[in-house]
Amino acid sequence: VKMSYGTVNSWGVEGRAEVPDWVEPFIANYIKAQKLDAIEKIIQDKEI
């Protein structure tokens, strides 16, 4: 996500920033993208 490790590492730690709201949908889309990449690879492999 192009953020500093220190920022991400501080999320959710008592007295510091909470985990941002955008993280959960980002990871959900990351999972979908991984699945689509896998499907694309299967399709490409069958075309060869």
ModelCIF file with pLDDT and N, C-alpha, C, O atoms, coordinates in Angstrom:
data_MODEL
#
_entry.id   MODEL 
#
_entity.id                         1 
_entity.type                       polymer 
_entity.pdbx_number_of_molecules   1 
#
_entity_poly.entity_id                      1 
_entity_poly.type                           'polypeptide(L)' 
_entity_poly.nstd_linkage                   no 
_entity_poly.nstd_monomer                   no 
_entity_poly.pdbx_seq_one_letter_code       VKMSYGTVNSWGVEGRAEVPDWVEPFIANYIKAQKLDAIEKIIQDKEI 
_entity_poly.pdbx_seq_one_letter_code_can   VKMSYGTVNSWGVEGRAEVPDWVEPFIANYIKAQKLDAIEKIIQDKEI 
_entity_poly.pdbx_strand_id                 A 
#
loop_
_entity_poly_seq.entity_id 
_entity_poly_seq.num 
_entity_poly_seq.mon_id 
_entity_poly_seq.hetero 
1 1  VAL n 
1 2  LYS n 
1 3  MET n 
1 4  SER n 
1 5  TYR n 
1 6  GLY n 
1 7  THR n 
1 8  VAL n 
1 9  ASN n 
1 10 SER n 
1 11 TRP n 
1 12 GLY n 
1 13 VAL n 
1 14 GLU n 
1 15 GLY n 
1 16 ARG n 
1 17 ALA n 
1 18 GLU n 
1 19 VAL n 
1 20 PRO n 
1 21 ASP n 
1 22 TRP n 
1 23 VAL n 
1 24 GLU n 
1 25 PRO n 
1 26 PHE n 
1 27 ILE n 
1 28 ALA n 
1 29 ASN n 
1 30 TYR n 
1 31 ILE n 
1 32 LYS n 
1 33 ALA n 
1 34 GLN n 
1 35 LYS n 
1 36 LEU n 
1 37 ASP n 
1 38 ALA n 
1 39 ILE n 
1 40 GLU n 
1 41 LYS n 
1 42 ILE n 
1 43 ILE n 
1 44 GLN n 
1 45 ASP n 
1 46 LYS n 
1 47 GLU n 
1 48 ILE n 
#
_struct_asym.id          A 
_struct_asym.entity_id   1 
#
loop_
_ma_qa_metric.id 
_ma_qa_metric.mode 
_ma_qa_metric.name 
_ma_qa_metric.software_group_id 
_ma_qa_metric.type 
1 global pLDDT . pLDDT 
2 local  pLDDT . pLDDT 
#
_ma_qa_metric_global.metric_id      1 
_ma_qa_metric_global.metric_value   89.90 
_ma_qa_metric_global.model_id       1 
_ma_qa_metric_global.ordinal_id     1 
#
loop_
_ma_qa_metric_local.label_asym_id 
_ma_qa_metric_local.label_comp_id 
_ma_qa_metric_local.label_seq_id 
_ma_qa_metric_local.metric_id 
_ma_qa_metric_local.metric_value 
_ma_qa_metric_local.model_id 
_ma_qa_metric_local.ordinal_id 
A VAL 1  2 97.00 1 1  
A LYS 2  2 97.00 1 2  
A MET 3  2 97.00 1 3  
A SER 4  2 96.00 1 4  
A TYR 5  2 96.00 1 5  
A GLY 6  2 94.00 1 6  
A THR 7  2 93.00 1 7  
A VAL 8  2 95.00 1 8  
A ASN 9  2 93.00 1 9  
A SER 10 2 92.00 1 10 
A TRP 11 2 92.00 1 11 
A GLY 12 2 84.00 1 12 
A VAL 13 2 82.00 1 13 
A GLU 14 2 74.00 1 14 
A GLY 15 2 71.00 1 15 
A ARG 16 2 76.00 1 16 
A ALA 17 2 78.00 1 17 
A GLU 18 2 89.00 1 18 
A VAL 19 2 93.00 1 19 
A PRO 20 2 94.00 1 20 
A ASP 21 2 93.00 1 21 
A TRP 22 2 96.00 1 22 
A VAL 23 2 95.00 1 23 
A GLU 24 2 94.00 1 24 
A PRO 25 2 96.00 1 25 
A PHE 26 2 96.00 1 26 
A ILE 27 2 95.00 1 27 
A ALA 28 2 95.00 1 28 
A ASN 29 2 96.00 1 29 
A TYR 30 2 95.00 1 30 
A ILE 31 2 94.00 1 31 
A LYS 32 2 95.00 1 32 
A ALA 33 2 95.00 1 33 
A GLN 34 2 93.00 1 34 
A LYS 35 2 94.00 1 35 
A LEU 36 2 95.00 1 36 
A ASP 37 2 91.00 1 37 
A ALA 38 2 89.00 1 38 
A ILE 39 2 92.00 1 39 
A GLU 40 2 91.00 1 40 
A LYS 41 2 89.00 1 41 
A ILE 42 2 88.00 1 42 
A ILE 43 2 88.00 1 43 
A GLN 44 2 85.00 1 44 
A ASP 45 2 84.00 1 45 
A LYS 46 2 83.00 1 46 
A GLU 47 2 72.00 1 47 
A ILE 48 2 63.00 1 48 
#
loop_
_atom_site.group_PDB 
_atom_site.id 
_atom_site.type_symbol 
_atom_site.label_atom_id 
_atom_site.label_alt_id 
_atom_site.label_comp_id 
_atom_site.label_asym_id 
_atom_site.label_entity_id 
_atom_site.label_seq_id 
_atom_site.pdbx_PDB_ins_code 
_atom_site.Cartn_x 
_atom_site.Cartn_y 
_atom_site.Cartn_z 
_atom_site.occupancy 
_atom_site.B_iso_or_equiv 
_atom_site.pdbx_formal_charge 
_atom_site.auth_seq_id 
_atom_site.auth_comp_id 
_atom_site.auth_asym_id 
_atom_site.auth_atom_id 
_atom_site.pdbx_PDB_model_num 
ATOM 1   N N  . VAL A 1 1  ? 0.811   -1.223  0.000   1.00 97.00 ? 1  VAL A N  1 
ATOM 2   C CA . VAL A 1 1  ? 0.000   0.000   0.000   1.00 97.00 ? 1  VAL A CA 1 
ATOM 3   C C  . VAL A 1 1  ? 0.846   1.275   0.000   1.00 97.00 ? 1  VAL A C  1 
ATOM 4   O O  . VAL A 1 1  ? 0.325   2.384   0.120   1.00 97.00 ? 1  VAL A O  1 
ATOM 5   N N  . LYS A 1 2  ? 2.169   1.093   -0.137  1.00 97.00 ? 2  LYS A N  1 
ATOM 6   C CA . LYS A 1 2  ? 3.106   2.212   -0.213  1.00 97.00 ? 2  LYS A CA 1 
ATOM 7   C C  . LYS A 1 2  ? 3.010   3.135   1.009   1.00 97.00 ? 2  LYS A C  1 
ATOM 8   O O  . LYS A 1 2  ? 2.895   4.354   0.886   1.00 97.00 ? 2  LYS A O  1 
ATOM 9   N N  . MET A 1 3  ? 3.062   2.517   2.175   1.00 97.00 ? 3  MET A N  1 
ATOM 10  C CA . MET A 1 3  ? 3.079   3.242   3.442   1.00 97.00 ? 3  MET A CA 1 
ATOM 11  C C  . MET A 1 3  ? 4.303   2.799   4.222   1.00 97.00 ? 3  MET A C  1 
ATOM 12  O O  . MET A 1 3  ? 4.891   1.754   3.941   1.00 97.00 ? 3  MET A O  1 
ATOM 13  N N  . SER A 1 4  ? 4.672   3.594   5.191   1.00 96.00 ? 4  SER A N  1 
ATOM 14  C CA . SER A 1 4  ? 5.810   3.186   6.012   1.00 96.00 ? 4  SER A CA 1 
ATOM 15  C C  . SER A 1 4  ? 5.391   2.037   6.927   1.00 96.00 ? 4  SER A C  1 
ATOM 16  O O  . SER A 1 4  ? 4.253   1.962   7.389   1.00 96.00 ? 4  SER A O  1 
ATOM 17  N N  . TYR A 1 5  ? 6.342   1.156   7.169   1.00 96.00 ? 5  TYR A N  1 
ATOM 18  C CA . TYR A 1 5  ? 6.082   0.034   8.071   1.00 96.00 ? 5  TYR A CA 1 
ATOM 19  C C  . TYR A 1 5  ? 5.718   0.541   9.462   1.00 96.00 ? 5  TYR A C  1 
ATOM 20  O O  . TYR A 1 5  ? 4.848   -0.033  10.116  1.00 96.00 ? 5  TYR A O  1 
ATOM 21  N N  . GLY A 1 6  ? 6.365   1.600   9.921   1.00 94.00 ? 6  GLY A N  1 
ATOM 22  C CA . GLY A 1 6  ? 6.086   2.146   11.242  1.00 94.00 ? 6  GLY A CA 1 
ATOM 23  C C  . GLY A 1 6  ? 4.640   2.564   11.405  1.00 94.00 ? 6  GLY A C  1 
ATOM 24  O O  . GLY A 1 6  ? 4.042   2.354   12.461  1.00 94.00 ? 6  GLY A O  1 
ATOM 25  N N  . THR A 1 7  ? 4.069   3.162   10.352  1.00 93.00 ? 7  THR A N  1 
ATOM 26  C CA . THR A 1 7  ? 2.666   3.567   10.394  1.00 93.00 ? 7  THR A CA 1 
ATOM 27  C C  . THR A 1 7  ? 1.761   2.350   10.508  1.00 93.00 ? 7  THR A C  1 
ATOM 28  O O  . THR A 1 7  ? 0.892   2.296   11.378  1.00 93.00 ? 7  THR A O  1 
ATOM 29  N N  . VAL A 1 8  ? 1.966   1.381   9.634   1.00 95.00 ? 8  VAL A N  1 
ATOM 30  C CA . VAL A 1 8  ? 1.137   0.177   9.644   1.00 95.00 ? 8  VAL A CA 1 
ATOM 31  C C  . VAL A 1 8  ? 1.304   -0.574  10.966  1.00 95.00 ? 8  VAL A C  1 
ATOM 32  O O  . VAL A 1 8  ? 0.332   -1.075  11.530  1.00 95.00 ? 8  VAL A O  1 
ATOM 33  N N  . ASN A 1 9  ? 2.516   -0.644  11.442  1.00 93.00 ? 9  ASN A N  1 
ATOM 34  C CA . ASN A 1 9  ? 2.789   -1.377  12.679  1.00 93.00 ? 9  ASN A CA 1 
ATOM 35  C C  . ASN A 1 9  ? 2.130   -0.717  13.894  1.00 93.00 ? 9  ASN A C  1 
ATOM 36  O O  . ASN A 1 9  ? 1.855   -1.395  14.884  1.00 93.00 ? 9  ASN A O  1 
ATOM 37  N N  . SER A 1 10 ? 1.877   0.577   13.834  1.00 92.00 ? 10 SER A N  1 
ATOM 38  C CA . SER A 1 10 ? 1.280   1.277   14.974  1.00 92.00 ? 10 SER A CA 1 
ATOM 39  C C  . SER A 1 10 ? -0.242  1.145   15.018  1.00 92.00 ? 10 SER A C  1 
ATOM 40  O O  . SER A 1 10 ? -0.862  1.454   16.036  1.00 92.00 ? 10 SER A O  1 
ATOM 41  N N  . TRP A 1 11 ? -0.842  0.690   13.925  1.00 92.00 ? 11 TRP A N  1 
ATOM 42  C CA . TRP A 1 11 ? -2.304  0.562   13.911  1.00 92.00 ? 11 TRP A CA 1 
ATOM 43  C C  . TRP A 1 11 ? -2.774  -0.415  14.970  1.00 92.00 ? 11 TRP A C  1 
ATOM 44  O O  . TRP A 1 11 ? -2.216  -1.502  15.121  1.00 92.00 ? 11 TRP A O  1 
ATOM 45  N N  . GLY A 1 12 ? -3.798  -0.023  15.698  1.00 84.00 ? 12 GLY A N  1 
ATOM 46  C CA . GLY A 1 12 ? -4.424  -0.904  16.665  1.00 84.00 ? 12 GLY A CA 1 
ATOM 47  C C  . GLY A 1 12 ? -3.686  -1.034  17.978  1.00 84.00 ? 12 GLY A C  1 
ATOM 48  O O  . GLY A 1 12 ? -4.176  -1.686  18.900  1.00 84.00 ? 12 GLY A O  1 
ATOM 49  N N  . VAL A 1 13 ? -2.510  -0.424  18.082  1.00 82.00 ? 13 VAL A N  1 
ATOM 50  C CA . VAL A 1 13 ? -1.763  -0.479  19.326  1.00 82.00 ? 13 VAL A CA 1 
ATOM 51  C C  . VAL A 1 13 ? -2.399  0.515   20.290  1.00 82.00 ? 13 VAL A C  1 
ATOM 52  O O  . VAL A 1 13 ? -2.737  1.635   19.907  1.00 82.00 ? 13 VAL A O  1 
ATOM 53  N N  . GLU A 1 14 ? -2.555  0.105   21.512  1.00 74.00 ? 14 GLU A N  1 
ATOM 54  C CA . GLU A 1 14 ? -3.234  0.935   22.507  1.00 74.00 ? 14 GLU A CA 1 
ATOM 55  C C  . GLU A 1 14 ? -2.646  2.344   22.544  1.00 74.00 ? 14 GLU A C  1 
ATOM 56  O O  . GLU A 1 14 ? -1.431  2.523   22.629  1.00 74.00 ? 14 GLU A O  1 
ATOM 57  N N  . GLY A 1 15 ? -3.527  3.337   22.480  1.00 71.00 ? 15 GLY A N  1 
ATOM 58  C CA . GLY A 1 15 ? -3.091  4.722   22.511  1.00 71.00 ? 15 GLY A CA 1 
ATOM 59  C C  . GLY A 1 15 ? -2.654  5.272   21.169  1.00 71.00 ? 15 GLY A C  1 
ATOM 60  O O  . GLY A 1 15 ? -2.246  6.431   21.086  1.00 71.00 ? 15 GLY A O  1 
ATOM 61  N N  . ARG A 1 16 ? -2.728  4.487   20.136  1.00 76.00 ? 16 ARG A N  1 
ATOM 62  C CA . ARG A 1 16 ? -2.320  4.947   18.801  1.00 76.00 ? 16 ARG A CA 1 
ATOM 63  C C  . ARG A 1 16 ? -3.505  4.847   17.852  1.00 76.00 ? 16 ARG A C  1 
ATOM 64  O O  . ARG A 1 16 ? -4.620  4.519   18.256  1.00 76.00 ? 16 ARG A O  1 
ATOM 65  N N  . ALA A 1 17 ? -3.241  5.136   16.588  1.00 78.00 ? 17 ALA A N  1 
ATOM 66  C CA . ALA A 1 17 ? -4.297  5.135   15.575  1.00 78.00 ? 17 ALA A CA 1 
ATOM 67  C C  . ALA A 1 17 ? -4.924  3.757   15.411  1.00 78.00 ? 17 ALA A C  1 
ATOM 68  O O  . ALA A 1 17 ? -4.257  2.729   15.531  1.00 78.00 ? 17 ALA A O  1 
ATOM 69  N N  . GLU A 1 18 ? -6.213  3.766   15.136  1.00 89.00 ? 18 GLU A N  1 
ATOM 70  C CA . GLU A 1 18 ? -6.912  2.519   14.844  1.00 89.00 ? 18 GLU A CA 1 
ATOM 71  C C  . GLU A 1 18 ? -6.587  2.077   13.424  1.00 89.00 ? 18 GLU A C  1 
ATOM 72  O O  . GLU A 1 18 ? -6.082  2.853   12.613  1.00 89.00 ? 18 GLU A O  1 
ATOM 73  N N  . VAL A 1 19 ? -6.885  0.823   13.147  1.00 93.00 ? 19 VAL A N  1 
ATOM 74  C CA . VAL A 1 19 ? -6.723  0.321   11.777  1.00 93.00 ? 19 VAL A CA 1 
ATOM 75  C C  . VAL A 1 19 ? -7.731  1.090   10.913  1.00 93.00 ? 19 VAL A C  1 
ATOM 76  O O  . VAL A 1 19 ? -8.920  1.090   11.228  1.00 93.00 ? 19 VAL A O  1 
ATOM 77  N N  . PRO A 1 20 ? -7.289  1.739   9.840   1.00 94.00 ? 20 PRO A N  1 
ATOM 78  C CA . PRO A 1 20 ? -8.189  2.548   9.013   1.00 94.00 ? 20 PRO A CA 1 
ATOM 79  C C  . PRO A 1 20 ? -9.316  1.722   8.389   1.00 94.00 ? 20 PRO A C  1 
ATOM 80  O O  . PRO A 1 20 ? -9.170  0.526   8.137   1.00 94.00 ? 20 PRO A O  1 
ATOM 81  N N  . ASP A 1 21 ? -10.432 2.391   8.150   1.00 93.00 ? 21 ASP A N  1 
ATOM 82  C CA . ASP A 1 21 ? -11.609 1.732   7.579   1.00 93.00 ? 21 ASP A CA 1 
ATOM 83  C C  . ASP A 1 21 ? -11.368 1.167   6.186   1.00 93.00 ? 21 ASP A C  1 
ATOM 84  O O  . ASP A 1 21 ? -12.030 0.208   5.789   1.00 93.00 ? 21 ASP A O  1 
ATOM 85  N N  . TRP A 1 22 ? -10.435 1.744   5.439   1.00 96.00 ? 22 TRP A N  1 
ATOM 86  C CA . TRP A 1 22 ? -10.218 1.310   4.060   1.00 96.00 ? 22 TRP A CA 1 
ATOM 87  C C  . TRP A 1 22 ? -9.479  -0.024  3.965   1.00 96.00 ? 22 TRP A C  1 
ATOM 88  O O  . TRP A 1 22 ? -9.452  -0.640  2.900   1.00 96.00 ? 22 TRP A O  1 
ATOM 89  N N  . VAL A 1 23 ? -8.882  -0.472  5.065   1.00 95.00 ? 23 VAL A N  1 
ATOM 90  C CA . VAL A 1 23 ? -8.040  -1.676  5.017   1.00 95.00 ? 23 VAL A CA 1 
ATOM 91  C C  . VAL A 1 23 ? -8.857  -2.924  4.692   1.00 95.00 ? 23 VAL A C  1 
ATOM 92  O O  . VAL A 1 23 ? -8.452  -3.726  3.852   1.00 95.00 ? 23 VAL A O  1 
ATOM 93  N N  . GLU A 1 24 ? -9.991  -3.091  5.344   1.00 94.00 ? 24 GLU A N  1 
ATOM 94  C CA . GLU A 1 24 ? -10.792 -4.303  5.112   1.00 94.00 ? 24 GLU A CA 1 
ATOM 95  C C  . GLU A 1 24 ? -11.256 -4.422  3.657   1.00 94.00 ? 24 GLU A C  1 
ATOM 96  O O  . GLU A 1 24 ? -11.070 -5.483  3.060   1.00 94.00 ? 24 GLU A O  1 
ATOM 97  N N  . PRO A 1 25 ? -11.857 -3.371  3.052   1.00 96.00 ? 25 PRO A N  1 
ATOM 98  C CA . PRO A 1 25 ? -12.225 -3.508  1.636   1.00 96.00 ? 25 PRO A CA 1 
ATOM 99  C C  . PRO A 1 25 ? -11.021 -3.663  0.712   1.00 96.00 ? 25 PRO A C  1 
ATOM 100 O O  . PRO A 1 25 ? -11.118 -4.330  -0.318  1.00 96.00 ? 25 PRO A O  1 
ATOM 101 N N  . PHE A 1 26 ? -9.889  -3.056  1.066   1.00 96.00 ? 26 PHE A N  1 
ATOM 102 C CA . PHE A 1 26 ? -8.680  -3.216  0.265   1.00 96.00 ? 26 PHE A CA 1 
ATOM 103 C C  . PHE A 1 26 ? -8.273  -4.688  0.230   1.00 96.00 ? 26 PHE A C  1 
ATOM 104 O O  . PHE A 1 26 ? -7.987  -5.232  -0.836  1.00 96.00 ? 26 PHE A O  1 
ATOM 105 N N  . ILE A 1 27 ? -8.246  -5.322  1.391   1.00 95.00 ? 27 ILE A N  1 
ATOM 106 C CA . ILE A 1 27 ? -7.848  -6.735  1.449   1.00 95.00 ? 27 ILE A CA 1 
ATOM 107 C C  . ILE A 1 27 ? -8.873  -7.610  0.739   1.00 95.00 ? 27 ILE A C  1 
ATOM 108 O O  . ILE A 1 27 ? -8.504  -8.590  0.093   1.00 95.00 ? 27 ILE A O  1 
ATOM 109 N N  . ALA A 1 28 ? -10.165 -7.268  0.851   1.00 95.00 ? 28 ALA A N  1 
ATOM 110 C CA . ALA A 1 28 ? -11.193 -8.029  0.131   1.00 95.00 ? 28 ALA A CA 1 
ATOM 111 C C  . ALA A 1 28 ? -10.950 -7.958  -1.372  1.00 95.00 ? 28 ALA A C  1 
ATOM 112 O O  . ALA A 1 28 ? -11.074 -8.965  -2.069  1.00 95.00 ? 28 ALA A O  1 
ATOM 113 N N  . ASN A 1 29 ? -10.608 -6.781  -1.874  1.00 96.00 ? 29 ASN A N  1 
ATOM 114 C CA . ASN A 1 29 ? -10.312 -6.632  -3.307  1.00 96.00 ? 29 ASN A CA 1 
ATOM 115 C C  . ASN A 1 29 ? -9.001  -7.306  -3.686  1.00 96.00 ? 29 ASN A C  1 
ATOM 116 O O  . ASN A 1 29 ? -8.867  -7.824  -4.795  1.00 96.00 ? 29 ASN A O  1 
ATOM 117 N N  . TYR A 1 30 ? -8.045  -7.303  -2.784  1.00 95.00 ? 30 TYR A N  1 
ATOM 118 C CA . TYR A 1 30 ? -6.776  -8.001  -3.011  1.00 95.00 ? 30 TYR A CA 1 
ATOM 119 C C  . TYR A 1 30 ? -7.034  -9.505  -3.192  1.00 95.00 ? 30 TYR A C  1 
ATOM 120 O O  . TYR A 1 30 ? -6.444  -10.144 -4.063  1.00 95.00 ? 30 TYR A O  1 
ATOM 121 N N  . ILE A 1 31 ? -7.920  -10.053 -2.363  1.00 94.00 ? 31 ILE A N  1 
ATOM 122 C CA . ILE A 1 31 ? -8.279  -11.475 -2.461  1.00 94.00 ? 31 ILE A CA 1 
ATOM 123 C C  . ILE A 1 31 ? -8.944  -11.755 -3.810  1.00 94.00 ? 31 ILE A C  1 
ATOM 124 O O  . ILE A 1 31 ? -8.618  -12.739 -4.474  1.00 94.00 ? 31 ILE A O  1 
ATOM 125 N N  . LYS A 1 32 ? -9.871  -10.893 -4.211  1.00 95.00 ? 32 LYS A N  1 
ATOM 126 C CA . LYS A 1 32 ? -10.542 -11.056 -5.506  1.00 95.00 ? 32 LYS A CA 1 
ATOM 127 C C  . LYS A 1 32 ? -9.536  -10.990 -6.651  1.00 95.00 ? 32 LYS A C  1 
ATOM 128 O O  . LYS A 1 32 ? -9.612  -11.775 -7.597  1.00 95.00 ? 32 LYS A O  1 
ATOM 129 N N  . ALA A 1 33 ? -8.604  -10.062 -6.564  1.00 95.00 ? 33 ALA A N  1 
ATOM 130 C CA . ALA A 1 33 ? -7.596  -9.921  -7.611  1.00 95.00 ? 33 ALA A CA 1 
ATOM 131 C C  . ALA A 1 33 ? -6.733  -11.171 -7.718  1.00 95.00 ? 33 ALA A C  1 
ATOM 132 O O  . ALA A 1 33 ? -6.395  -11.601 -8.821  1.00 95.00 ? 33 ALA A O  1 
ATOM 133 N N  . GLN A 1 34 ? -6.376  -11.756 -6.580  1.00 93.00 ? 34 GLN A N  1 
ATOM 134 C CA . GLN A 1 34 ? -5.593  -12.997 -6.593  1.00 93.00 ? 34 GLN A CA 1 
ATOM 135 C C  . GLN A 1 34 ? -6.368  -14.117 -7.285  1.00 93.00 ? 34 GLN A C  1 
ATOM 136 O O  . GLN A 1 34 ? -5.809  -14.876 -8.077  1.00 93.00 ? 34 GLN A O  1 
ATOM 137 N N  . LYS A 1 35 ? -7.663  -14.209 -6.977  1.00 94.00 ? 35 LYS A N  1 
ATOM 138 C CA . LYS A 1 35 ? -8.492  -15.251 -7.595  1.00 94.00 ? 35 LYS A CA 1 
ATOM 139 C C  . LYS A 1 35 ? -8.610  -15.029 -9.102  1.00 94.00 ? 35 LYS A C  1 
ATOM 140 O O  . LYS A 1 35 ? -8.532  -15.975 -9.886  1.00 94.00 ? 35 LYS A O  1 
ATOM 141 N N  . LEU A 1 36 ? -8.798  -13.772 -9.497  1.00 95.00 ? 36 LEU A N  1 
ATOM 142 C CA . LEU A 1 36 ? -8.890  -13.478 -10.925 1.00 95.00 ? 36 LEU A CA 1 
ATOM 143 C C  . LEU A 1 36 ? -7.581  -13.758 -11.648 1.00 95.00 ? 36 LEU A C  1 
ATOM 144 O O  . LEU A 1 36 ? -7.584  -14.255 -12.775 1.00 95.00 ? 36 LEU A O  1 
ATOM 145 N N  . ASP A 1 37 ? -6.466  -13.442 -11.004 1.00 91.00 ? 37 ASP A N  1 
ATOM 146 C CA . ASP A 1 37 ? -5.165  -13.761 -11.597 1.00 91.00 ? 37 ASP A CA 1 
ATOM 147 C C  . ASP A 1 37 ? -5.008  -15.265 -11.797 1.00 91.00 ? 37 ASP A C  1 
ATOM 148 O O  . ASP A 1 37 ? -4.469  -15.705 -12.812 1.00 91.00 ? 37 ASP A O  1 
ATOM 149 N N  . ALA A 1 38 ? -5.480  -16.053 -10.829 1.00 89.00 ? 38 ALA A N  1 
ATOM 150 C CA . ALA A 1 38 ? -5.400  -17.512 -10.934 1.00 89.00 ? 38 ALA A CA 1 
ATOM 151 C C  . ALA A 1 38 ? -6.266  -18.019 -12.087 1.00 89.00 ? 38 ALA A C  1 
ATOM 152 O O  . ALA A 1 38 ? -5.857  -18.912 -12.829 1.00 89.00 ? 38 ALA A O  1 
ATOM 153 N N  . ILE A 1 39 ? -7.455  -17.450 -12.233 1.00 92.00 ? 39 ILE A N  1 
ATOM 154 C CA . ILE A 1 39 ? -8.351  -17.838 -13.329 1.00 92.00 ? 39 ILE A CA 1 
ATOM 155 C C  . ILE A 1 39 ? -7.723  -17.468 -14.672 1.00 92.00 ? 39 ILE A C  1 
ATOM 156 O O  . ILE A 1 39 ? -7.755  -18.255 -15.618 1.00 92.00 ? 39 ILE A O  1 
ATOM 157 N N  . GLU A 1 40 ? -7.157  -16.272 -14.745 1.00 91.00 ? 40 GLU A N  1 
ATOM 158 C CA . GLU A 1 40 ? -6.505  -15.837 -15.981 1.00 91.00 ? 40 GLU A CA 1 
ATOM 159 C C  . GLU A 1 40 ? -5.367  -16.776 -16.367 1.00 91.00 ? 40 GLU A C  1 
ATOM 160 O O  . GLU A 1 40 ? -5.198  -17.102 -17.542 1.00 91.00 ? 40 GLU A O  1 
ATOM 161 N N  . LYS A 1 41 ? -4.599  -17.203 -15.393 1.00 89.00 ? 41 LYS A N  1 
ATOM 162 C CA . LYS A 1 41 ? -3.496  -18.123 -15.662 1.00 89.00 ? 41 LYS A CA 1 
ATOM 163 C C  . LYS A 1 41 ? -4.016  -19.459 -16.189 1.00 89.00 ? 41 LYS A C  1 
ATOM 164 O O  . LYS A 1 41 ? -3.435  -20.030 -17.113 1.00 89.00 ? 41 LYS A O  1 
ATOM 165 N N  . ILE A 1 42 ? -5.088  -19.952 -15.617 1.00 88.00 ? 42 ILE A N  1 
ATOM 166 C CA . ILE A 1 42 ? -5.689  -21.212 -16.078 1.00 88.00 ? 42 ILE A CA 1 
ATOM 167 C C  . ILE A 1 42 ? -6.133  -21.080 -17.531 1.00 88.00 ? 42 ILE A C  1 
ATOM 168 O O  . ILE A 1 42 ? -5.891  -21.970 -18.347 1.00 88.00 ? 42 ILE A O  1 
ATOM 169 N N  . ILE A 1 43 ? -6.783  -19.964 -17.844 1.00 88.00 ? 43 ILE A N  1 
ATOM 170 C CA . ILE A 1 43 ? -7.263  -19.740 -19.214 1.00 88.00 ? 43 ILE A CA 1 
ATOM 171 C C  . ILE A 1 43 ? -6.088  -19.648 -20.184 1.00 88.00 ? 43 ILE A C  1 
ATOM 172 O O  . ILE A 1 43 ? -6.125  -20.235 -21.265 1.00 88.00 ? 43 ILE A O  1 
ATOM 173 N N  . GLN A 1 44 ? -5.045  -18.910 -19.796 1.00 85.00 ? 44 GLN A N  1 
ATOM 174 C CA . GLN A 1 44 ? -3.870  -18.778 -20.653 1.00 85.00 ? 44 GLN A CA 1 
ATOM 175 C C  . GLN A 1 44 ? -3.187  -20.125 -20.865 1.00 85.00 ? 44 GLN A C  1 
ATOM 176 O O  . GLN A 1 44 ? -2.735  -20.421 -21.971 1.00 85.00 ? 44 GLN A O  1 
ATOM 177 N N  . ASP A 1 45 ? -3.110  -20.934 -19.827 1.00 84.00 ? 45 ASP A N  1 
ATOM 178 C CA . ASP A 1 45 ? -2.486  -22.242 -19.935 1.00 84.00 ? 45 ASP A CA 1 
ATOM 179 C C  . ASP A 1 45 ? -3.262  -23.152 -20.882 1.00 84.00 ? 45 ASP A C  1 
ATOM 180 O O  . ASP A 1 45 ? -2.654  -23.972 -21.570 1.00 84.00 ? 45 ASP A O  1 
ATOM 181 N N  . LYS A 1 46 ? -4.590  -23.030 -20.936 1.00 83.00 ? 46 LYS A N  1 
ATOM 182 C CA . LYS A 1 46 ? -5.399  -23.861 -21.808 1.00 83.00 ? 46 LYS A CA 1 
ATOM 183 C C  . LYS A 1 46 ? -5.285  -23.421 -23.262 1.00 83.00 ? 46 LYS A C  1 
ATOM 184 O O  . LYS A 1 46 ? -5.513  -24.219 -24.171 1.00 83.00 ? 46 LYS A O  1 
ATOM 185 N N  . GLU A 1 47 ? -4.938  -22.175 -23.484 1.00 72.00 ? 47 GLU A N  1 
ATOM 186 C CA . GLU A 1 47 ? -4.812  -21.664 -24.857 1.00 72.00 ? 47 GLU A CA 1 
ATOM 187 C C  . GLU A 1 47 ? -3.511  -22.123 -25.514 1.00 72.00 ? 47 GLU A C  1 
ATOM 188 O O  . GLU A 1 47 ? -3.395  -22.095 -26.739 1.00 72.00 ? 47 GLU A O  1 
ATOM 189 N N  . ILE A 1 48 ? -2.557  -22.533 -24.731 1.00 63.00 ? 48 ILE A N  1 
ATOM 190 C CA . ILE A 1 48 ? -1.265  -22.933 -25.280 1.00 63.00 ? 48 ILE A CA 1 
ATOM 191 C C  . ILE A 1 48 ? -1.308  -24.296 -25.898 1.00 63.00 ? 48 ILE A C  1 
ATOM 192 O O  . ILE A 1 48 ? -0.294  -24.777 -26.405 1.00 63.00 ? 48 ILE A O  1 
#
